[in-house]
Amino acid sequence: FKIAKGVECLHSMNLLHRDLKPDNILLKKTSESYEPLISDFGHSKENKMFMTSLRGTPLYVDPALQYT
């Protein structure tokens, strides 16, 4: 749920991560639990920009986008 809220926050700032996968989720230890943190924004892009190429790790790319 917290990762989805993080993605929602990125989208509210017009940012697309474009490589969201388990390797790019870090866990920060708090006093009672762990807090997920989204990392690696190397492929991120402003949502309003026209995208001409597919980015991300092939095993985690939306299947609907892989063969278009």
Protein backbone atom coordinates (compact mmCIF):
# COMPACT_ATOMS: atom_id res chain seq x y z
CA PHE A 1 0.00 0.00 0.00
CA LYS A 2 2.78 2.47 0.85
CA ILE A 3 4.57 1.80 -2.44
CA ALA A 4 1.36 2.53 -4.33
CA LYS A 5 1.00 5.77 -2.36
CA GLY A 6 4.58 6.64 -3.31
CA VAL A 7 3.84 6.06 -6.99
CA GLU A 8 0.68 8.15 -6.61
CA CYS A 9 2.81 10.94 -5.16
CA LEU A 10 5.24 10.73 -8.10
CA HIS A 11 2.36 10.87 -10.57
CA SER A 12 0.89 13.89 -8.76
CA MET A 13 4.23 15.61 -9.50
CA ASN A 14 3.98 14.51 -13.18
CA LEU A 15 6.85 12.01 -12.84
CA LEU A 16 6.98 8.47 -14.18
CA HIS A 17 9.48 6.07 -12.59
CA ARG A 18 9.66 3.69 -15.61
CA ASP A 19 11.70 0.99 -13.83
CA LEU A 20 9.72 0.06 -10.74
CA LYS A 21 10.73 -3.43 -9.58
CA PRO A 22 11.62 -5.14 -6.28
CA ASP A 23 15.31 -4.22 -6.65
CA ASN A 24 14.36 -0.53 -6.63
CA ILE A 25 12.43 -0.71 -3.36
CA LEU A 26 14.60 -0.13 -0.31
CA LEU A 27 13.49 -0.83 3.24
CA LYS A 28 14.30 1.71 5.93
CA LYS A 29 14.16 0.34 9.45
CA THR A 30 12.05 2.38 11.83
CA SER A 31 11.62 1.76 15.54
CA GLU A 32 8.81 -0.77 15.04
CA SER A 33 8.82 -1.81 11.37
CA TYR A 34 10.26 -1.12 7.92
CA GLU A 35 9.34 1.78 5.63
CA PRO A 36 9.56 1.14 1.85
CA LEU A 37 11.46 3.74 -0.18
CA ILE A 38 11.38 4.00 -3.98
CA SER A 39 14.88 4.33 -5.46
CA ASP A 40 16.73 4.49 -8.80
CA PHE A 41 15.17 7.27 -10.82
CA GLY A 42 17.61 6.84 -13.73
CA HIS A 43 14.82 6.10 -16.23
CA SER A 44 12.28 8.52 -14.76
CA LYS A 45 10.70 11.13 -16.96
CA GLU A 46 8.17 13.93 -16.77
CA ASN A 47 4.73 12.51 -17.53
CA LYS A 48 3.90 15.32 -19.97
CA MET A 49 6.87 14.54 -22.21
CA PHE A 50 6.35 12.38 -25.30
CA MET A 51 8.08 9.04 -24.83
CA THR A 52 9.60 7.44 -27.89
CA SER A 53 11.33 4.45 -26.32
CA LEU A 54 10.52 1.64 -23.94
CA ARG A 55 12.55 1.72 -20.70
CA GLY A 56 12.82 -0.54 -17.71
CA THR A 57 13.79 -4.10 -16.86
CA PRO A 58 12.20 -6.49 -19.41
CA LEU A 59 10.83 -8.91 -16.79
CA TYR A 60 8.96 -6.04 -15.10
CA VAL A 61 7.71 -4.08 -18.12
CA ASP A 62 3.95 -4.07 -18.66
CA PRO A 63 3.26 -6.97 -21.08
CA ALA A 64 0.87 -4.74 -23.03
CA LEU A 65 3.79 -2.47 -23.88
CA GLN A 66 6.39 -5.10 -24.73
CA TYR A 67 5.13 -5.99 -28.19
CA THR A 68 3.73 -2.72 -29.52
